[in-house]
Amino acid sequence: MELYRKTLLAVMALGFAWGGTPAWADECGPVPEAPAVVDGKTATMDELVANSQAVKAFIAAADDWLDCNEAFVQSDAFKKLSTAEQQRRLDLNSRLLDERNAIGDRFNEQVAAWKEAHPE
């Protein structure tokens, strides 16, 4: 996993360099995006299982990004950023942490709704 992450970051760094993305963006890669959570009342078991896997993958990716960002915030590279860029990075961290913490609850609510809709 670590080799994959380093390779991904290296490839993304090249892409960011060509695309004009802020210098800090290649440190941890793009901020992971949360998947939509299925509606437990209408979802099939297969959809619920697939959604569970997507939620777990997002949480793992968010944890990796948050760990990387925590290290980056302590670095000299972060300290060289403008105050606005530093705040932007901290805001991204905060939003991702909130989403990471909330998605499990939202998914569990939909599992409960699925169980209610499929009593067996």
C-alpha atoms as a PDB file:
ATOM      1  CA  MET A   1       0.000   0.000   0.000  1.00  0.00           C
ATOM      2  CA  GLU A   2       2.794   2.416   0.862  1.00  0.00           C
ATOM      3  CA  LEU A   3       4.545   1.818  -2.482  1.00  0.00           C
ATOM      4  CA  TYR A   4       1.241   2.376  -4.281  1.00  0.00           C
ATOM      5  CA  ARG A   5       0.695   5.621  -2.391  1.00  0.00           C
ATOM      6  CA  LYS A   6       4.199   6.905  -3.131  1.00  0.00           C
ATOM      7  CA  THR A   7       3.824   6.031  -6.813  1.00  0.00           C
ATOM      8  CA  LEU A   8       0.422   7.693  -6.960  1.00  0.00           C
ATOM      9  CA  LEU A   9       1.777  10.822  -5.294  1.00  0.00           C
ATOM     10  CA  ALA A  10       4.696  10.958  -7.722  1.00  0.00           C
ATOM     11  CA  VAL A  11       2.396  10.660 -10.739  1.00  0.00           C
ATOM     12  CA  MET A  12       0.046  13.248  -9.314  1.00  0.00           C
ATOM     13  CA  ALA A  13       2.937  15.591  -8.617  1.00  0.00           C
ATOM     14  CA  LEU A  14       3.821  15.536 -12.305  1.00  0.00           C
ATOM     15  CA  GLY A  15       0.214  16.216 -13.252  1.00  0.00           C
ATOM     16  CA  PHE A  16      -0.069  19.054 -10.766  1.00  0.00           C
ATOM     17  CA  ALA A  17       3.180  20.567 -12.009  1.00  0.00           C
ATOM     18  CA  TRP A  18       1.741  20.690 -15.519  1.00  0.00           C
ATOM     19  CA  GLY A  19      -1.687  21.861 -14.385  1.00  0.00           C
ATOM     20  CA  GLY A  20      -0.705  24.779 -12.188  1.00  0.00           C
ATOM     21  CA  THR A  21      -2.178  23.357  -8.977  1.00  0.00           C
ATOM     22  CA  PRO A  22      -0.824  24.880  -5.753  1.00  0.00           C
ATOM     23  CA  ALA A  23       2.550  23.484  -4.695  1.00  0.00           C
ATOM     24  CA  TRP A  24       1.182  21.865  -1.544  1.00  0.00           C
ATOM     25  CA  ALA A  25      -1.417  19.817  -3.422  1.00  0.00           C
ATOM     26  CA  ASP A  26       1.056  17.127  -4.405  1.00  0.00           C
ATOM     27  CA  GLU A  27       2.068  16.521  -0.795  1.00  0.00           C
ATOM     28  CA  CYS A  28      -0.947  14.349   0.053  1.00  0.00           C
ATOM     29  CA  GLY A  29      -2.804  14.090  -3.226  1.00  0.00           C
ATOM     30  CA  PRO A  30      -6.353  15.204  -3.785  1.00  0.00           C
ATOM     31  CA  VAL A  31      -8.732  15.312  -0.853  1.00  0.00           C
ATOM     32  CA  PRO A  32     -10.794  12.103  -0.977  1.00  0.00           C
ATOM     33  CA  GLU A  33     -14.445  12.548  -1.899  1.00  0.00           C
ATOM     34  CA  ALA A  34     -17.096  10.762   0.102  1.00  0.00           C
ATOM     35  CA  PRO A  35     -19.372   8.403  -1.778  1.00  0.00           C
ATOM     36  CA  ALA A  36     -23.103   8.940  -1.759  1.00  0.00           C
ATOM     37  CA  VAL A  37     -24.828   6.860   0.879  1.00  0.00           C
ATOM     38  CA  VAL A  38     -27.594   4.619  -0.467  1.00  0.00           C
ATOM     39  CA  ASP A  39     -31.188   4.891   0.671  1.00  0.00           C
ATOM     40  CA  GLY A  40     -31.666   1.901   2.926  1.00  0.00           C
ATOM     41  CA  LYS A  41     -35.417   1.782   2.295  1.00  0.00           C
ATOM     42  CA  THR A  42     -34.959   1.154  -1.435  1.00  0.00           C
ATOM     43  CA  ALA A  43     -31.456  -0.317  -1.766  1.00  0.00           C
ATOM     44  CA  THR A  44     -30.851  -3.955  -2.551  1.00  0.00           C
ATOM     45  CA  MET A  45     -28.546  -6.043  -0.407  1.00  0.00           C
ATOM     46  CA  ASP A  46     -25.939  -5.908  -3.185  1.00  0.00           C
ATOM     47  CA  GLU A  47     -26.157  -2.102  -3.293  1.00  0.00           C
ATOM     48  CA  LEU A  48     -25.839  -1.923   0.483  1.00  0.00           C
ATOM     49  CA  VAL A  49     -22.758  -4.173   0.452  1.00  0.00           C
ATOM     50  CA  ALA A  50     -21.166  -2.190  -2.384  1.00  0.00           C
ATOM     51  CA  ASN A  51     -21.894   1.039  -0.530  1.00  0.00           C
ATOM     52  CA  SER A  52     -20.344  -0.383   2.622  1.00  0.00           C
ATOM     53  CA  GLN A  53     -17.167  -1.107   0.684  1.00  0.00           C
ATOM     54  CA  ALA A  54     -17.148   2.400  -0.808  1.00  0.00           C
ATOM     55  CA  VAL A  55     -17.654   3.969   2.625  1.00  0.00           C
ATOM     56  CA  LYS A  56     -14.845   1.871   4.116  1.00  0.00           C
ATOM     57  CA  ALA A  57     -12.539   2.790   1.215  1.00  0.00           C
ATOM     58  CA  PHE A  58     -13.344   6.479   1.697  1.00  0.00           C
ATOM     59  CA  ILE A  59     -12.649   6.295   5.431  1.00  0.00           C
ATOM     60  CA  ALA A  60      -9.294   4.599   4.753  1.00  0.00           C
ATOM     61  CA  ALA A  61      -8.381   7.188   2.100  1.00  0.00           C
ATOM     62  CA  ALA A  62      -9.459  10.015   4.402  1.00  0.00           C
ATOM     63  CA  ASP A  63      -7.357   8.602   7.236  1.00  0.00           C
ATOM     64  CA  ASP A  64      -4.330   8.414   4.926  1.00  0.00           C
ATOM     65  CA  TRP A  65      -4.860  11.978   3.719  1.00  0.00           C
ATOM     66  CA  LEU A  66      -5.393  13.309   7.242  1.00  0.00           C
ATOM     67  CA  ASP A  67      -2.226  11.552   8.471  1.00  0.00           C
ATOM     68  CA  CYS A  68      -0.256  12.957   5.560  1.00  0.00           C
ATOM     69  CA  ASN A  69      -1.686  16.433   6.078  1.00  0.00           C
ATOM     70  CA  GLU A  70      -0.879  16.329   9.788  1.00  0.00           C
ATOM     71  CA  ALA A  71       2.750  15.658   8.907  1.00  0.00           C
ATOM     72  CA  PHE A  72       2.715  18.320   6.175  1.00  0.00           C
ATOM     73  CA  VAL A  73       1.330  20.976   8.538  1.00  0.00           C
ATOM     74  CA  GLN A  74       4.390  20.425  10.737  1.00  0.00           C
ATOM     75  CA  SER A  75       6.794  20.799   7.795  1.00  0.00           C
ATOM     76  CA  ASP A  76       8.863  23.750   6.651  1.00  0.00           C
ATOM     77  CA  ALA A  77       7.056  23.603   3.291  1.00  0.00           C
ATOM     78  CA  PHE A  78       3.756  24.363   5.028  1.00  0.00           C
ATOM     79  CA  LYS A  79       5.309  27.219   6.986  1.00  0.00           C
ATOM     80  CA  LYS A  80       6.483  28.770   3.704  1.00  0.00           C
ATOM     81  CA  LEU A  81       2.925  28.949   2.363  1.00  0.00           C
ATOM     82  CA  SER A  82       0.996  32.176   2.561  1.00  0.00           C
ATOM     83  CA  THR A  83      -1.328  32.577   5.498  1.00  0.00           C
ATOM     84  CA  ALA A  84      -4.293  32.182   3.121  1.00  0.00           C
ATOM     85  CA  GLU A  85      -2.917  28.917   1.712  1.00  0.00           C
ATOM     86  CA  GLN A  86      -2.190  27.620   5.201  1.00  0.00           C
ATOM     87  CA  GLN A  87      -5.762  28.392   6.245  1.00  0.00           C
ATOM     88  CA  ARG A  88      -7.115  26.782   3.081  1.00  0.00           C
ATOM     89  CA  ARG A  89      -5.200  23.616   3.897  1.00  0.00           C
ATOM     90  CA  LEU A  90      -6.442  23.623   7.496  1.00  0.00           C
ATOM     91  CA  ASP A  91     -10.018  24.170   6.280  1.00  0.00           C
ATOM     92  CA  LEU A  92      -9.710  21.194   3.911  1.00  0.00           C
ATOM     93  CA  ASN A  93      -8.496  19.116   6.821  1.00  0.00           C
ATOM     94  CA  SER A  94     -11.409  20.176   8.994  1.00  0.00           C
ATOM     95  CA  ARG A  95     -14.038  19.503   6.318  1.00  0.00           C
ATOM     96  CA  LEU A  96     -12.581  16.085   5.506  1.00  0.00           C
ATOM     97  CA  LEU A  97     -12.410  15.124   9.172  1.00  0.00           C
ATOM     98  CA  ASP A  98     -16.043  16.140   9.653  1.00  0.00           C
ATOM     99  CA  GLU A  99     -17.124  14.162   6.581  1.00  0.00           C
ATOM    100  CA  ARG A 100     -15.022  11.159   7.607  1.00  0.00           C
ATOM    101  CA  ASN A 101     -16.643  11.125  11.034  1.00  0.00           C
ATOM    102  CA  ALA A 102     -20.194  11.653   9.734  1.00  0.00           C
ATOM    103  CA  ILE A 103     -20.346   9.173   6.882  1.00  0.00           C
ATOM    104  CA  GLY A 104     -20.242   6.106   9.108  1.00  0.00           C
ATOM    105  CA  ASP A 105     -23.231   7.362  11.060  1.00  0.00           C
ATOM    106  CA  ARG A 106     -25.163   8.141   7.867  1.00  0.00           C
ATOM    107  CA  PHE A 107     -24.392   4.687   6.484  1.00  0.00           C
ATOM    108  CA  ASN A 108     -25.400   2.964   9.732  1.00  0.00           C
ATOM    109  CA  GLU A 109     -28.713   4.848   9.659  1.00  0.00           C
ATOM    110  CA  GLN A 110     -29.332   3.450   6.184  1.00  0.00           C
ATOM    111  CA  VAL A 111     -28.446  -0.081   7.302  1.00  0.00           C
ATOM    112  CA  ALA A 112     -31.074   0.288  10.025  1.00  0.00           C
ATOM    113  CA  ALA A 113     -33.567   1.556   7.420  1.00  0.00           C
ATOM    114  CA  TRP A 114     -32.755  -1.442   5.204  1.00  0.00           C
ATOM    115  CA  LYS A 115     -33.324  -3.845   8.080  1.00  0.00           C
ATOM    116  CA  GLU A 116     -36.635  -2.157   8.840  1.00  0.00           C
ATOM    117  CA  ALA A 117     -37.691  -2.396   5.183  1.00  0.00           C
ATOM    118  CA  HIS A 118     -36.597  -6.063   4.977  1.00  0.00           C
ATOM    119  CA  PRO A 119     -37.691  -7.765   8.188  1.00  0.00           C
ATOM    120  CA  GLU A 120     -36.954 -11.445   7.922  1.00  0.00           C
END
